[in-house]
Every structure is written in structure tokens, then in C-alpha cells.
Amino acid sequence: MNTLVAWSGGLDSTALIDYLLKKGDRVSSIYIEVPGNGDKCKREQRAIDRMTSYFSRYSFEHLGTTTISPYSGSVLAMKQPLLWLTGLVYALNSQHDSVAIGYVMGDCAISYLPDIRSIWDSFSALSDRQLPPLTFPLIKKDKTDLWKDIPDEVKPHITWCESHAAIIAPCGECHPCRRALFEGIVVKEQSNDTSDIQQILVKRDA
């Protein structure tokens, strides 16, 4: 099975790649860059660069970056899932047997999965071939499961923060950072300097 994955450098999509490789799939990944996301995109791409060498020991290939504009503020403004689907269609080739996105238990998008799959299926009508199925292999797993299962070599490089201009990331304020704190995957520690800017999140091994 040759699977194409949308990879952000975060926990969910990184764990998805690891899961598929352990299952025996050949995995290709694509990073979908959204213009205007500032330092967030740079952090994610740095994380991907650091982890690619690890996954490349296996049947894995990172296809690089594709840029998708959401046309912010216009009637064509698109939500994140549609941007991901568009980027995946762009990266898809005839060797891919399936396409996977790393949604997990508790994600707000879970209730919209039938709609997301319907949009994907509708793309086939605009294509010169039947698109492979869109899958969500991790929807019965939570983030603590993912953190426990991924290789220790990968853990230090995963990015968490959704802040576009965080001076220190993870920031501890955005939803992914707060969720990781709540689930005990990361812990907040104070440095000797007690200013907010010096607060850091240290990933805790499960």
C-alpha cells in the first residue's frame, strides 16, 4: 500500500506516518503551506526537515511543500480541511493507493469527517481518474496514545504551537499547546527568569 499523508510536523501527522510505516505501507508526505502563517510555517518546516532523515530509513519519501492560498477575507476563503484536501490532490500521483489525514479522538473536525470525505469523493468528478480513498487511521486514538507510540528519536523535533508569531514555541496559549498540557504530554516549567516569555514547555516521556 502506497499512502500519501498531509504532514505538518506536529504530533498527529507525525504519528500517522510512523503508524503507517510500522504497518508496512510505503509513505509519501506533503507539507501544505498556507501563506500568511508566518513563523508557524517556518517552525513546522524545520520540524519536518529534522524528522525526514529518521523516516527516510524506511519506505518513506517527503515530496516537499505545496502552497495553497485561502484567499482570506474573500468569498473564496477556505477552512483548513479544504486546504489540506486541495494540497493532497495537487501532490497525488498514480502510484498512491490511499490518502490519509491524522485526525485523532477529540479533534473538533471529527464530526465533519463525512463531509470532508464527500468533498474528497467529489474531486473524482473533476479528475481524469478515480481518486484513491481518503482515510483517517488514527480517529480511535488520543494524543497520549500517539506520544507513547512514536520513537524517542522523533519526539524532540515535533512542533506543537499554532501561534503565528510566538517568540518561544510551544507558547502554552494556543489550543494544541493547552491540550497537550491538559493531557499531560507536556509540562510547563519555569526558568530562573520568571517572565512569561521565558516559560517553556518540556515534552514529558509517557
C-alpha atoms as a PDB file:
ATOM      1  CA  MET A   1       0.000   0.000   0.000  1.00  0.00           C
ATOM      2  CA  ASN A   2       1.394   3.400  -1.020  1.00  0.00           C
ATOM      3  CA  THR A   3      -0.159   6.136   1.120  1.00  0.00           C
ATOM      4  CA  LEU A   4       0.033   9.916   0.758  1.00  0.00           C
ATOM      5  CA  VAL A   5      -0.057  11.891   4.030  1.00  0.00           C
ATOM      6  CA  ALA A   6      -0.534  15.583   4.813  1.00  0.00           C
ATOM      7  CA  TRP A   7       2.388  16.257   7.197  1.00  0.00           C
ATOM      8  CA  SER A   8       2.508  19.365   9.389  1.00  0.00           C
ATOM      9  CA  GLY A   9       5.403  18.340  11.618  1.00  0.00           C
ATOM     10  CA  GLY A  10       3.013  18.114  14.568  1.00  0.00           C
ATOM     11  CA  LEU A  11       2.248  15.119  16.747  1.00  0.00           C
ATOM     12  CA  ASP A  12      -0.806  13.766  14.922  1.00  0.00           C
ATOM     13  CA  SER A  13       0.550  13.730  11.372  1.00  0.00           C
ATOM     14  CA  THR A  14       3.996  12.549  12.520  1.00  0.00           C
ATOM     15  CA  ALA A  15       2.424   9.704  14.485  1.00  0.00           C
ATOM     16  CA  LEU A  16       0.347   8.850  11.404  1.00  0.00           C
ATOM     17  CA  ILE A  17       3.498   8.454   9.290  1.00  0.00           C
ATOM     18  CA  ASP A  18       5.091   6.285  11.976  1.00  0.00           C
ATOM     19  CA  TYR A  19       1.901   4.184  12.277  1.00  0.00           C
ATOM     20  CA  LEU A  20       1.651   3.580   8.530  1.00  0.00           C
ATOM     21  CA  LEU A  21       5.344   2.675   8.188  1.00  0.00           C
ATOM     22  CA  LYS A  22       5.074   0.193  11.058  1.00  0.00           C
ATOM     23  CA  LYS A  23       2.009  -1.273   9.331  1.00  0.00           C
ATOM     24  CA  GLY A  24       4.141  -1.883   6.251  1.00  0.00           C
ATOM     25  CA  ASP A  25       2.902   0.895   3.974  1.00  0.00           C
ATOM     26  CA  ARG A  26       5.131   2.901   1.691  1.00  0.00           C
ATOM     27  CA  VAL A  27       4.508   6.513   2.709  1.00  0.00           C
ATOM     28  CA  SER A  28       4.822   9.792   0.839  1.00  0.00           C
ATOM     29  CA  SER A  29       4.209  13.094   2.601  1.00  0.00           C
ATOM     30  CA  ILE A  30       3.466  16.650   1.536  1.00  0.00           C
ATOM     31  CA  TYR A  31       3.631  19.858   3.566  1.00  0.00           C
ATOM     32  CA  ILE A  32       0.792  22.252   2.720  1.00  0.00           C
ATOM     33  CA  GLU A  33       1.870  25.825   3.332  1.00  0.00           C
ATOM     34  CA  VAL A  34      -0.759  28.492   3.927  1.00  0.00           C
ATOM     35  CA  PRO A  35       0.558  31.990   3.089  1.00  0.00           C
ATOM     36  CA  GLY A  36       0.386  34.457   5.963  1.00  0.00           C
ATOM     37  CA  ASN A  37       1.044  31.885   8.681  1.00  0.00           C
ATOM     38  CA  GLY A  38       4.406  33.487   9.409  1.00  0.00           C
ATOM     39  CA  ASP A  39       6.722  31.763  11.850  1.00  0.00           C
ATOM     40  CA  LYS A  40       4.270  28.877  12.295  1.00  0.00           C
ATOM     41  CA  CYS A  41       5.127  27.600   8.799  1.00  0.00           C
ATOM     42  CA  LYS A  42       8.856  28.054   9.432  1.00  0.00           C
ATOM     43  CA  ARG A  43       8.667  26.057  12.682  1.00  0.00           C
ATOM     44  CA  GLU A  44       6.703  23.285  11.001  1.00  0.00           C
ATOM     45  CA  GLN A  45       9.078  23.043   8.063  1.00  0.00           C
ATOM     46  CA  ARG A  46      12.104  22.972  10.376  1.00  0.00           C
ATOM     47  CA  ALA A  47      10.477  20.150  12.333  1.00  0.00           C
ATOM     48  CA  ILE A  48       9.845  18.226   9.111  1.00  0.00           C
ATOM     49  CA  ASP A  49      13.440  18.732   7.954  1.00  0.00           C
ATOM     50  CA  ARG A  50      14.731  17.294  11.245  1.00  0.00           C
ATOM     51  CA  MET A  51      12.447  14.251  11.167  1.00  0.00           C
ATOM     52  CA  THR A  52      12.733  13.402   7.470  1.00  0.00           C
ATOM     53  CA  SER A  53      16.167  11.840   7.922  1.00  0.00           C
ATOM     54  CA  TYR A  54      14.756   9.465  10.543  1.00  0.00           C
ATOM     55  CA  PHE A  55      11.776   8.323   8.468  1.00  0.00           C
ATOM     56  CA  SER A  56      13.888   8.053   5.311  1.00  0.00           C
ATOM     57  CA  ARG A  57      15.456   4.929   6.789  1.00  0.00           C
ATOM     58  CA  TYR A  58      12.170   3.250   5.878  1.00  0.00           C
ATOM     59  CA  SER A  59       9.868   3.212   2.838  1.00  0.00           C
ATOM     60  CA  PHE A  60       9.291   6.947   3.070  1.00  0.00           C
ATOM     61  CA  GLU A  61       9.623   9.966   0.797  1.00  0.00           C
ATOM     62  CA  HIS A  62       8.874  13.590   1.600  1.00  0.00           C
ATOM     63  CA  LEU A  63       7.601  15.279  -1.572  1.00  0.00           C
ATOM     64  CA  GLY A  64       8.244  18.805  -0.336  1.00  0.00           C
ATOM     65  CA  THR A  65       5.927  21.786   0.011  1.00  0.00           C
ATOM     66  CA  THR A  66       2.900  22.990  -1.880  1.00  0.00           C
ATOM     67  CA  THR A  67       1.451  26.434  -1.249  1.00  0.00           C
ATOM     68  CA  ILE A  68      -2.306  26.893  -1.125  1.00  0.00           C
ATOM     69  CA  SER A  69      -3.821  30.342  -0.668  1.00  0.00           C
ATOM     70  CA  PRO A  70      -7.060  30.581   1.371  1.00  0.00           C
ATOM     71  CA  TYR A  71      -7.955  33.970  -0.166  1.00  0.00           C
ATOM     72  CA  SER A  72      -8.504  35.343   3.329  1.00  0.00           C
ATOM     73  CA  GLY A  73     -11.281  37.887   3.589  1.00  0.00           C
ATOM     74  CA  SER A  74     -12.881  36.966   0.258  1.00  0.00           C
ATOM     75  CA  VAL A  75     -15.855  34.782  -0.609  1.00  0.00           C
ATOM     76  CA  LEU A  76     -13.294  32.107  -1.556  1.00  0.00           C
ATOM     77  CA  ALA A  77     -11.875  31.865   1.977  1.00  0.00           C
ATOM     78  CA  MET A  78     -11.395  28.185   2.816  1.00  0.00           C
ATOM     79  CA  LYS A  79     -11.251  26.257   6.080  1.00  0.00           C
ATOM     80  CA  GLN A  80      -8.173  24.168   6.917  1.00  0.00           C
ATOM     81  CA  PRO A  81      -9.601  20.742   5.880  1.00  0.00           C
ATOM     82  CA  LEU A  82     -10.388  22.020   2.390  1.00  0.00           C
ATOM     83  CA  LEU A  83      -6.892  23.472   2.070  1.00  0.00           C
ATOM     84  CA  TRP A  84      -5.443  20.103   3.054  1.00  0.00           C
ATOM     85  CA  LEU A  85      -7.636  18.249   0.556  1.00  0.00           C
ATOM     86  CA  THR A  86      -6.651  20.639  -2.230  1.00  0.00           C
ATOM     87  CA  GLY A  87      -2.962  20.229  -1.411  1.00  0.00           C
ATOM     88  CA  LEU A  88      -3.273  16.445  -1.316  1.00  0.00           C
ATOM     89  CA  VAL A  89      -4.965  16.382  -4.728  1.00  0.00           C
ATOM     90  CA  TYR A  90      -2.099  18.509  -6.064  1.00  0.00           C
ATOM     91  CA  ALA A  91       0.515  16.061  -4.712  1.00  0.00           C
ATOM     92  CA  LEU A  92      -1.322  12.880  -5.658  1.00  0.00           C
ATOM     93  CA  ASN A  93       0.102  10.610  -8.331  1.00  0.00           C
ATOM     94  CA  SER A  94      -0.918   7.323  -9.912  1.00  0.00           C
ATOM     95  CA  GLN A  95       1.227   5.272  -7.505  1.00  0.00           C
ATOM     96  CA  HIS A  96      -0.781   6.276  -4.427  1.00  0.00           C
ATOM     97  CA  ASP A  97      -3.328   3.699  -3.261  1.00  0.00           C
ATOM     98  CA  SER A  98      -4.763   5.780  -0.418  1.00  0.00           C
ATOM     99  CA  VAL A  99      -4.607   9.208   1.181  1.00  0.00           C
ATOM    100  CA  ALA A 100      -4.501   9.741   4.959  1.00  0.00           C
ATOM    101  CA  ILE A 101      -5.053  12.648   7.364  1.00  0.00           C
ATOM    102  CA  GLY A 102      -4.090  12.404  11.036  1.00  0.00           C
ATOM    103  CA  TYR A 103      -7.263  13.414  12.840  1.00  0.00           C
ATOM    104  CA  VAL A 104      -7.487  11.876  16.323  1.00  0.00           C
ATOM    105  CA  MET A 105     -10.088  11.347  19.028  1.00  0.00           C
ATOM    106  CA  GLY A 106     -11.300  14.656  20.415  1.00  0.00           C
ATOM    107  CA  ASP A 107     -10.485  16.773  17.360  1.00  0.00           C
ATOM    108  CA  CYS A 108     -13.214  19.272  16.548  1.00  0.00           C
ATOM    109  CA  ALA A 109     -13.157  18.115  12.915  1.00  0.00           C
ATOM    110  CA  ILE A 110     -14.289  14.574  13.811  1.00  0.00           C
ATOM    111  CA  SER A 111     -17.973  15.447  13.455  1.00  0.00           C
ATOM    112  CA  TYR A 112     -17.277  16.723   9.931  1.00  0.00           C
ATOM    113  CA  LEU A 113     -15.452  13.662   8.619  1.00  0.00           C
ATOM    114  CA  PRO A 114     -18.388  12.509   6.443  1.00  0.00           C
ATOM    115  CA  ASP A 115     -18.483  15.980   4.862  1.00  0.00           C
ATOM    116  CA  ILE A 116     -14.711  16.003   4.354  1.00  0.00           C
ATOM    117  CA  ARG A 117     -14.865  12.574   2.712  1.00  0.00           C
ATOM    118  CA  SER A 118     -17.759  13.693   0.491  1.00  0.00           C
ATOM    119  CA  ILE A 119     -15.726  16.676  -0.722  1.00  0.00           C
ATOM    120  CA  TRP A 120     -12.803  14.354  -1.468  1.00  0.00           C
ATOM    121  CA  ASP A 121     -15.031  11.935  -3.362  1.00  0.00           C
ATOM    122  CA  SER A 122     -16.483  14.814  -5.374  1.00  0.00           C
ATOM    123  CA  PHE A 123     -12.986  15.677  -6.624  1.00  0.00           C
ATOM    124  CA  SER A 124     -13.089  12.442  -8.647  1.00  0.00           C
ATOM    125  CA  ALA A 125     -15.688  14.034 -10.902  1.00  0.00           C
ATOM    126  CA  LEU A 126     -13.143  16.735 -11.748  1.00  0.00           C
ATOM    127  CA  SER A 127     -10.260  14.328 -12.262  1.00  0.00           C
ATOM    128  CA  ASP A 128      -9.284  12.143 -15.188  1.00  0.00           C
ATOM    129  CA  ARG A 129      -9.164   9.126 -12.870  1.00  0.00           C
ATOM    130  CA  GLN A 130     -10.853   7.765  -9.775  1.00  0.00           C
ATOM    131  CA  LEU A 131      -9.102   9.187  -6.722  1.00  0.00           C
ATOM    132  CA  PRO A 132      -7.913   6.715  -4.063  1.00  0.00           C
ATOM    133  CA  PRO A 133      -9.880   6.548  -0.804  1.00  0.00           C
ATOM    134  CA  LEU A 134      -9.395   9.162   1.916  1.00  0.00           C
ATOM    135  CA  THR A 135      -8.714   7.566   5.302  1.00  0.00           C
ATOM    136  CA  PHE A 136      -8.424   8.656   8.946  1.00  0.00           C
ATOM    137  CA  PRO A 137      -6.455   5.796  10.568  1.00  0.00           C
ATOM    138  CA  LEU A 138      -5.997   7.463  13.985  1.00  0.00           C
ATOM    139  CA  ILE A 139      -9.551   8.549  14.860  1.00  0.00           C
ATOM    140  CA  LYS A 140      -9.820   5.954  17.652  1.00  0.00           C
ATOM    141  CA  LYS A 141      -6.551   7.061  19.260  1.00  0.00           C
ATOM    142  CA  ASP A 142      -5.935  10.016  21.562  1.00  0.00           C
ATOM    143  CA  LYS A 143      -2.814  12.142  21.802  1.00  0.00           C
ATOM    144  CA  THR A 144      -1.416  10.277  24.790  1.00  0.00           C
ATOM    145  CA  ASP A 145      -1.559   7.047  22.746  1.00  0.00           C
ATOM    146  CA  LEU A 146       0.324   8.757  19.931  1.00  0.00           C
ATOM    147  CA  TRP A 147       3.005  10.200  22.197  1.00  0.00           C
ATOM    148  CA  LYS A 148       3.582   6.830  23.820  1.00  0.00           C
ATOM    149  CA  ASP A 149       3.948   5.022  20.494  1.00  0.00           C
ATOM    150  CA  ILE A 150       6.204   7.310  18.461  1.00  0.00           C
ATOM    151  CA  PRO A 151      10.004   6.756  18.511  1.00  0.00           C
ATOM    152  CA  ASP A 152      12.031   8.627  21.104  1.00  0.00           C
ATOM    153  CA  GLU A 153      14.296   9.918  18.323  1.00  0.00           C
ATOM    154  CA  VAL A 154      11.373  11.818  16.814  1.00  0.00           C
ATOM    155  CA  LYS A 155       9.869  13.320  19.981  1.00  0.00           C
ATOM    156  CA  PRO A 156      12.264  16.262  20.464  1.00  0.00           C
ATOM    157  CA  HIS A 157      11.557  17.575  16.960  1.00  0.00           C
ATOM    158  CA  ILE A 158       7.743  17.606  16.955  1.00  0.00           C
ATOM    159  CA  THR A 159       6.209  21.069  16.842  1.00  0.00           C
ATOM    160  CA  TRP A 160       3.080  21.954  18.809  1.00  0.00           C
ATOM    161  CA  CYS A 161       2.383  25.634  18.554  1.00  0.00           C
ATOM    162  CA  GLU A 162      -0.307  27.248  16.376  1.00  0.00           C
ATOM    163  CA  SER A 163       0.825  30.792  17.181  1.00  0.00           C
ATOM    164  CA  HIS A 164       1.928  32.661  14.092  1.00  0.00           C
ATOM    165  CA  ALA A 165       4.495  34.791  15.890  1.00  0.00           C
ATOM    166  CA  ALA A 166       5.485  33.003  19.083  1.00  0.00           C
ATOM    167  CA  ILE A 167       8.885  34.035  20.387  1.00  0.00           C
ATOM    168  CA  ILE A 168       9.218  30.767  22.271  1.00  0.00           C
ATOM    169  CA  ALA A 169       7.310  27.791  20.965  1.00  0.00           C
ATOM    170  CA  PRO A 170       5.317  25.979  22.199  1.00  0.00           C
ATOM    171  CA  CYS A 171       3.541  29.056  23.548  1.00  0.00           C
ATOM    172  CA  GLY A 172       1.227  27.401  26.115  1.00  0.00           C
ATOM    173  CA  GLU A 173      -1.651  29.622  24.958  1.00  0.00           C
ATOM    174  CA  CYS A 174      -2.946  28.163  21.689  1.00  0.00           C
ATOM    175  CA  HIS A 175      -5.336  25.207  21.617  1.00  0.00           C
ATOM    176  CA  PRO A 176      -2.776  22.478  20.695  1.00  0.00           C
ATOM    177  CA  CYS A 177      -0.398  23.588  23.463  1.00  0.00           C
ATOM    178  CA  ARG A 178      -3.214  23.783  26.032  1.00  0.00           C
ATOM    179  CA  ARG A 179      -4.491  20.358  25.001  1.00  0.00           C
ATOM    180  CA  ALA A 180      -1.034  18.815  25.312  1.00  0.00           C
ATOM    181  CA  LEU A 181      -0.755  20.337  28.801  1.00  0.00           C
ATOM    182  CA  PHE A 182      -4.196  19.086  29.784  1.00  0.00           C
ATOM    183  CA  GLU A 183      -3.458  15.545  28.615  1.00  0.00           C
ATOM    184  CA  GLY A 184      -0.097  15.518  30.396  1.00  0.00           C
ATOM    185  CA  ILE A 185       2.010  15.130  27.266  1.00  0.00           C
ATOM    186  CA  VAL A 186       3.929  18.291  28.100  1.00  0.00           C
ATOM    187  CA  VAL A 187       4.523  20.098  31.379  1.00  0.00           C
ATOM    188  CA  LYS A 188       5.120  23.791  31.897  1.00  0.00           C
ATOM    189  CA  GLU A 189       8.310  24.653  33.742  1.00  0.00           C
ATOM    190  CA  GLN A 190       9.606  27.990  34.990  1.00  0.00           C
ATOM    191  CA  SER A 191      13.155  29.084  34.252  1.00  0.00           C
ATOM    192  CA  ASN A 192      15.107  31.299  36.646  1.00  0.00           C
ATOM    193  CA  ASP A 193      13.724  34.280  34.792  1.00  0.00           C
ATOM    194  CA  THR A 194      10.055  34.315  35.787  1.00  0.00           C
ATOM    195  CA  SER A 195       8.840  36.477  32.915  1.00  0.00           C
ATOM    196  CA  ASP A 196       6.146  34.932  30.755  1.00  0.00           C
ATOM    197  CA  ILE A 197       8.429  34.949  27.733  1.00  0.00           C
ATOM    198  CA  GLN A 198      10.843  32.593  29.450  1.00  0.00           C
ATOM    199  CA  GLN A 199       8.212  29.992  30.264  1.00  0.00           C
ATOM    200  CA  ILE A 200       8.791  26.864  28.205  1.00  0.00           C
ATOM    201  CA  LEU A 201       7.046  23.587  27.646  1.00  0.00           C
ATOM    202  CA  VAL A 202       9.146  20.495  28.143  1.00  0.00           C
ATOM    203  CA  LYS A 203       7.931  17.330  26.493  1.00  0.00           C
ATOM    204  CA  ARG A 204       7.473  14.611  29.051  1.00  0.00           C
ATOM    205  CA  ASP A 205       8.046  10.984  28.102  1.00  0.00           C
ATOM    206  CA  ALA A 206       4.936   8.887  28.719  1.00  0.00           C
END
